[in-house]
Amino acid sequence: MTFMFEKLDVYQKAVDFADQAASITEQFPRGYGYLSDQLNRAALSIAANLAEGNGRFTKADRRDFFIIGRGSAQECVPLLELAKRRGLINGLDKRKT
């Protein structure tokens, strides 16, 4: 069964981002579990909130979940910055797609 939100570009990009975060954090050395866990949770939360928001019946409910998803995306920024400063990742690809 396919849900309507699965066809949305923003949802697909969110799932891709969560998958990339999972791949990146698999390589983190021991001792960085806190950073790996938080980044994975925040990255997955973006797609999860888009999906859950699309299942709500009112515009206000949908908007609330989309706002939470946006907050999760912004939460990833300092986590990735810290990973970069610690040498766990090289640079961030800031291209707009």
N, C-alpha and C. Protein backbone atom coordinates (compact mmCIF):
# COMPACT_ATOMS: atom_id res chain seq x y z
N MET A 1 0.84 -1.18 0.00
CA MET A 1 0.00 0.00 0.00
C MET A 1 0.89 1.25 0.00
N THR A 2 0.61 2.14 -0.89
CA THR A 2 1.36 3.39 -0.98
C THR A 2 0.49 4.53 -0.45
N PHE A 3 1.10 5.38 0.38
CA PHE A 3 0.41 6.55 0.89
C PHE A 3 0.75 7.75 0.02
N MET A 4 -0.13 8.71 -0.02
CA MET A 4 0.06 9.90 -0.86
C MET A 4 1.36 10.64 -0.52
N PHE A 5 1.67 10.76 0.76
CA PHE A 5 2.86 11.52 1.15
C PHE A 5 4.15 10.90 0.64
N GLU A 6 4.13 9.60 0.36
CA GLU A 6 5.34 8.93 -0.12
C GLU A 6 5.78 9.43 -1.49
N LYS A 7 4.88 10.08 -2.21
CA LYS A 7 5.19 10.62 -3.53
C LYS A 7 5.74 12.04 -3.46
N LEU A 8 5.67 12.66 -2.29
CA LEU A 8 6.14 14.04 -2.14
C LEU A 8 7.67 14.10 -2.18
N ASP A 9 8.20 15.05 -2.94
CA ASP A 9 9.65 15.22 -3.03
C ASP A 9 10.27 15.50 -1.66
N VAL A 10 9.61 16.33 -0.87
CA VAL A 10 10.15 16.68 0.44
C VAL A 10 10.24 15.45 1.33
N TYR A 11 9.29 14.56 1.25
CA TYR A 11 9.32 13.33 2.03
C TYR A 11 10.46 12.43 1.55
N GLN A 12 10.59 12.28 0.23
CA GLN A 12 11.67 11.46 -0.32
C GLN A 12 13.05 11.98 0.09
N LYS A 13 13.20 13.30 0.04
CA LYS A 13 14.48 13.91 0.45
C LYS A 13 14.73 13.71 1.94
N ALA A 14 13.68 13.76 2.73
CA ALA A 14 13.83 13.55 4.18
C ALA A 14 14.26 12.11 4.48
N VAL A 15 13.68 11.15 3.78
CA VAL A 15 14.09 9.76 3.96
C VAL A 15 15.53 9.56 3.49
N ASP A 16 15.89 10.17 2.37
CA ASP A 16 17.27 10.09 1.89
C ASP A 16 18.24 10.66 2.91
N PHE A 17 17.87 11.80 3.50
CA PHE A 17 18.72 12.43 4.50
C PHE A 17 18.89 11.54 5.72
N ALA A 18 17.79 10.93 6.19
CA ALA A 18 17.86 10.02 7.34
C ALA A 18 18.75 8.82 7.02
N ASP A 19 18.65 8.32 5.80
CA ASP A 19 19.49 7.19 5.38
C ASP A 19 20.97 7.59 5.34
N GLN A 20 21.25 8.78 4.82
CA GLN A 20 22.63 9.27 4.79
C GLN A 20 23.17 9.48 6.19
N ALA A 21 22.35 10.00 7.09
CA ALA A 21 22.77 10.20 8.48
C ALA A 21 23.11 8.86 9.12
N ALA A 22 22.29 7.86 8.87
CA ALA A 22 22.55 6.52 9.42
C ALA A 22 23.86 5.96 8.88
N SER A 23 24.10 6.14 7.60
CA SER A 23 25.35 5.65 7.00
C SER A 23 26.57 6.36 7.58
N ILE A 24 26.46 7.66 7.73
CA ILE A 24 27.58 8.45 8.25
C ILE A 24 27.89 8.05 9.69
N THR A 25 26.87 7.94 10.51
CA THR A 25 27.09 7.68 11.93
C THR A 25 27.56 6.26 12.21
N GLU A 26 27.35 5.35 11.28
CA GLU A 26 27.88 3.99 11.45
C GLU A 26 29.40 4.01 11.55
N GLN A 27 30.01 5.02 10.96
CA GLN A 27 31.46 5.12 10.92
C GLN A 27 32.05 5.88 12.12
N PHE A 28 31.19 6.45 12.96
CA PHE A 28 31.69 7.20 14.12
C PHE A 28 32.41 6.25 15.06
N PRO A 29 33.55 6.68 15.60
CA PRO A 29 34.28 5.82 16.53
C PRO A 29 33.54 5.70 17.87
N ARG A 30 33.97 4.74 18.62
CA ARG A 30 33.40 4.52 19.95
C ARG A 30 33.55 5.79 20.78
N GLY A 31 32.57 6.09 21.57
CA GLY A 31 32.60 7.29 22.39
C GLY A 31 31.77 8.42 21.84
N TYR A 32 31.26 8.25 20.63
CA TYR A 32 30.42 9.28 20.03
C TYR A 32 28.99 8.79 19.84
N GLY A 33 28.59 7.83 20.66
CA GLY A 33 27.23 7.29 20.57
C GLY A 33 26.17 8.34 20.82
N TYR A 34 26.46 9.27 21.72
CA TYR A 34 25.50 10.33 22.02
C TYR A 34 25.21 11.17 20.77
N LEU A 35 26.26 11.46 20.01
CA LEU A 35 26.11 12.28 18.81
C LEU A 35 25.42 11.48 17.70
N SER A 36 25.81 10.25 17.56
CA SER A 36 25.21 9.37 16.56
C SER A 36 23.72 9.19 16.82
N ASP A 37 23.38 8.90 18.06
CA ASP A 37 21.98 8.67 18.42
C ASP A 37 21.13 9.92 18.19
N GLN A 38 21.62 11.06 18.64
CA GLN A 38 20.84 12.29 18.51
C GLN A 38 20.66 12.69 17.04
N LEU A 39 21.72 12.54 16.24
CA LEU A 39 21.62 12.88 14.82
C LEU A 39 20.64 11.95 14.11
N ASN A 40 20.72 10.67 14.40
CA ASN A 40 19.80 9.72 13.76
C ASN A 40 18.36 9.97 14.15
N ARG A 41 18.12 10.29 15.41
CA ARG A 41 16.76 10.56 15.87
C ARG A 41 16.21 11.83 15.21
N ALA A 42 17.02 12.87 15.16
CA ALA A 42 16.57 14.13 14.57
C ALA A 42 16.32 13.96 13.07
N ALA A 43 17.23 13.27 12.38
CA ALA A 43 17.08 13.08 10.94
C ALA A 43 15.84 12.26 10.61
N LEU A 44 15.61 11.19 11.36
CA LEU A 44 14.43 10.37 11.11
C LEU A 44 13.15 11.12 11.47
N SER A 45 13.22 11.98 12.46
CA SER A 45 12.06 12.75 12.90
C SER A 45 11.52 13.65 11.79
N ILE A 46 12.37 14.10 10.90
CA ILE A 46 11.92 14.96 9.80
C ILE A 46 10.89 14.20 8.95
N ALA A 47 11.31 13.03 8.46
CA ALA A 47 10.41 12.23 7.60
C ALA A 47 9.20 11.73 8.38
N ALA A 48 9.41 11.32 9.63
CA ALA A 48 8.31 10.80 10.43
C ALA A 48 7.24 11.86 10.66
N ASN A 49 7.65 13.08 10.92
CA ASN A 49 6.67 14.15 11.15
C ASN A 49 5.96 14.56 9.86
N LEU A 50 6.65 14.50 8.74
CA LEU A 50 5.98 14.75 7.46
C LEU A 50 4.91 13.70 7.22
N ALA A 51 5.25 12.45 7.48
CA ALA A 51 4.29 11.36 7.28
C ALA A 51 3.11 11.50 8.23
N GLU A 52 3.40 11.71 9.51
CA GLU A 52 2.33 11.81 10.49
C GLU A 52 1.45 13.03 10.24
N GLY A 53 2.06 14.13 9.86
CA GLY A 53 1.29 15.34 9.55
C GLY A 53 0.34 15.14 8.40
N ASN A 54 0.79 14.39 7.40
CA ASN A 54 -0.08 14.13 6.25
C ASN A 54 -1.25 13.22 6.59
N GLY A 55 -1.17 12.54 7.71
CA GLY A 55 -2.27 11.68 8.13
C GLY A 55 -3.29 12.39 9.00
N ARG A 56 -3.04 13.62 9.32
CA ARG A 56 -3.98 14.39 10.16
C ARG A 56 -5.11 14.97 9.32
N PHE A 57 -6.22 15.23 9.96
CA PHE A 57 -7.41 15.67 9.24
C PHE A 57 -7.56 17.18 9.13
N THR A 58 -7.00 17.91 10.07
CA THR A 58 -7.17 19.36 10.01
C THR A 58 -5.87 20.03 9.58
N LYS A 59 -6.00 21.18 8.97
CA LYS A 59 -4.82 21.94 8.55
C LYS A 59 -3.95 22.31 9.73
N ALA A 60 -4.58 22.66 10.84
CA ALA A 60 -3.82 23.05 12.03
C ALA A 60 -2.97 21.89 12.55
N ASP A 61 -3.54 20.69 12.58
CA ASP A 61 -2.79 19.52 13.02
C ASP A 61 -1.64 19.22 12.07
N ARG A 62 -1.91 19.27 10.77
CA ARG A 62 -0.85 19.03 9.78
C ARG A 62 0.27 20.04 9.95
N ARG A 63 -0.09 21.31 10.08
CA ARG A 63 0.90 22.38 10.23
C ARG A 63 1.78 22.14 11.46
N ASP A 64 1.18 21.72 12.56
CA ASP A 64 1.95 21.47 13.77
C ASP A 64 3.04 20.42 13.55
N PHE A 65 2.69 19.34 12.86
CA PHE A 65 3.69 18.30 12.60
C PHE A 65 4.76 18.78 11.63
N PHE A 66 4.38 19.60 10.66
CA PHE A 66 5.35 20.13 9.71
C PHE A 66 6.31 21.08 10.42
N ILE A 67 5.82 21.83 11.38
CA ILE A 67 6.67 22.73 12.17
C ILE A 67 7.66 21.91 13.00
N ILE A 68 7.19 20.83 13.59
CA ILE A 68 8.08 19.96 14.36
C ILE A 68 9.16 19.36 13.44
N GLY A 69 8.76 18.94 12.25
CA GLY A 69 9.72 18.40 11.28
C GLY A 69 10.77 19.42 10.89
N ARG A 70 10.35 20.66 10.70
CA ARG A 70 11.30 21.74 10.37
C ARG A 70 12.27 21.95 11.53
N GLY A 71 11.76 21.89 12.75
CA GLY A 71 12.62 22.01 13.92
C GLY A 71 13.64 20.89 13.99
N SER A 72 13.24 19.69 13.62
CA SER A 72 14.16 18.56 13.61
C SER A 72 15.26 18.76 12.56
N ALA A 73 14.89 19.33 11.42
CA ALA A 73 15.89 19.61 10.39
C ALA A 73 16.91 20.62 10.91
N GLN A 74 16.43 21.62 11.62
CA GLN A 74 17.35 22.62 12.17
C GLN A 74 18.19 22.04 13.31
N GLU A 75 17.64 21.07 14.02
CA GLU A 75 18.40 20.41 15.09
C GLU A 75 19.62 19.67 14.52
N CYS A 76 19.51 19.19 13.31
CA CYS A 76 20.62 18.46 12.68
C CYS A 76 21.82 19.36 12.41
N VAL A 77 21.59 20.65 12.23
CA VAL A 77 22.68 21.57 11.87
C VAL A 77 23.80 21.59 12.91
N PRO A 78 23.53 21.85 14.20
CA PRO A 78 24.63 21.86 15.16
C PRO A 78 25.24 20.48 15.38
N LEU A 79 24.45 19.43 15.21
CA LEU A 79 24.98 18.07 15.36
C LEU A 79 25.99 17.77 14.26
N LEU A 80 25.66 18.16 13.04
CA LEU A 80 26.59 17.97 11.93
C LEU A 80 27.81 18.87 12.07
N GLU A 81 27.61 20.08 12.57
CA GLU A 81 28.74 20.99 12.79
C GLU A 81 29.71 20.42 13.82
N LEU A 82 29.18 19.87 14.90
CA LEU A 82 30.05 19.26 15.91
C LEU A 82 30.79 18.06 15.34
N ALA A 83 30.09 17.24 14.55
CA ALA A 83 30.74 16.09 13.92
C ALA A 83 31.86 16.55 13.00
N LYS A 84 31.64 17.65 12.30
CA LYS A 84 32.67 18.21 11.42
C LYS A 84 33.86 18.71 12.23
N ARG A 85 33.60 19.44 13.31
CA ARG A 85 34.68 19.97 14.15
C ARG A 85 35.49 18.87 14.81
N ARG A 86 34.85 17.74 15.10
CA ARG A 86 35.53 16.61 15.72
C ARG A 86 36.24 15.73 14.70
N GLY A 87 36.11 16.09 13.43
CA GLY A 87 36.77 15.32 12.38
C GLY A 87 36.06 14.03 12.03
N LEU A 88 34.81 13.92 12.40
CA LEU A 88 34.05 12.71 12.12
C LEU A 88 33.49 12.71 10.71
N ILE A 89 33.29 13.89 10.17
CA ILE A 89 32.87 14.05 8.78
C ILE A 89 33.73 15.13 8.16
N ASN A 90 33.87 15.10 6.86
CA ASN A 90 34.68 16.11 6.18
C ASN A 90 33.93 17.43 6.10
N GLY A 91 33.32 17.70 5.00
CA GLY A 91 32.56 18.93 4.83
C GLY A 91 31.11 18.60 4.58
N LEU A 92 30.31 19.60 4.57
CA LEU A 92 28.90 19.41 4.29
C LEU A 92 28.61 19.85 2.87
N ASP A 93 27.89 19.04 2.16
CA ASP A 93 27.49 19.37 0.79
C ASP A 93 26.29 20.30 0.90
N LYS A 94 26.49 21.57 0.60
CA LYS A 94 25.43 22.56 0.77
C LYS A 94 24.70 22.89 -0.54
N ARG A 95 24.78 21.99 -1.51
CA ARG A 95 24.07 22.26 -2.76
C ARG A 95 22.58 22.19 -2.53
N LYS A 96 21.88 22.97 -3.29
CA LYS A 96 20.43 23.00 -3.18
C LYS A 96 19.84 22.11 -4.24
N THR A 97 19.07 21.12 -3.79
CA THR A 97 18.43 20.19 -4.73
C THR A 97 16.94 20.23 -4.57
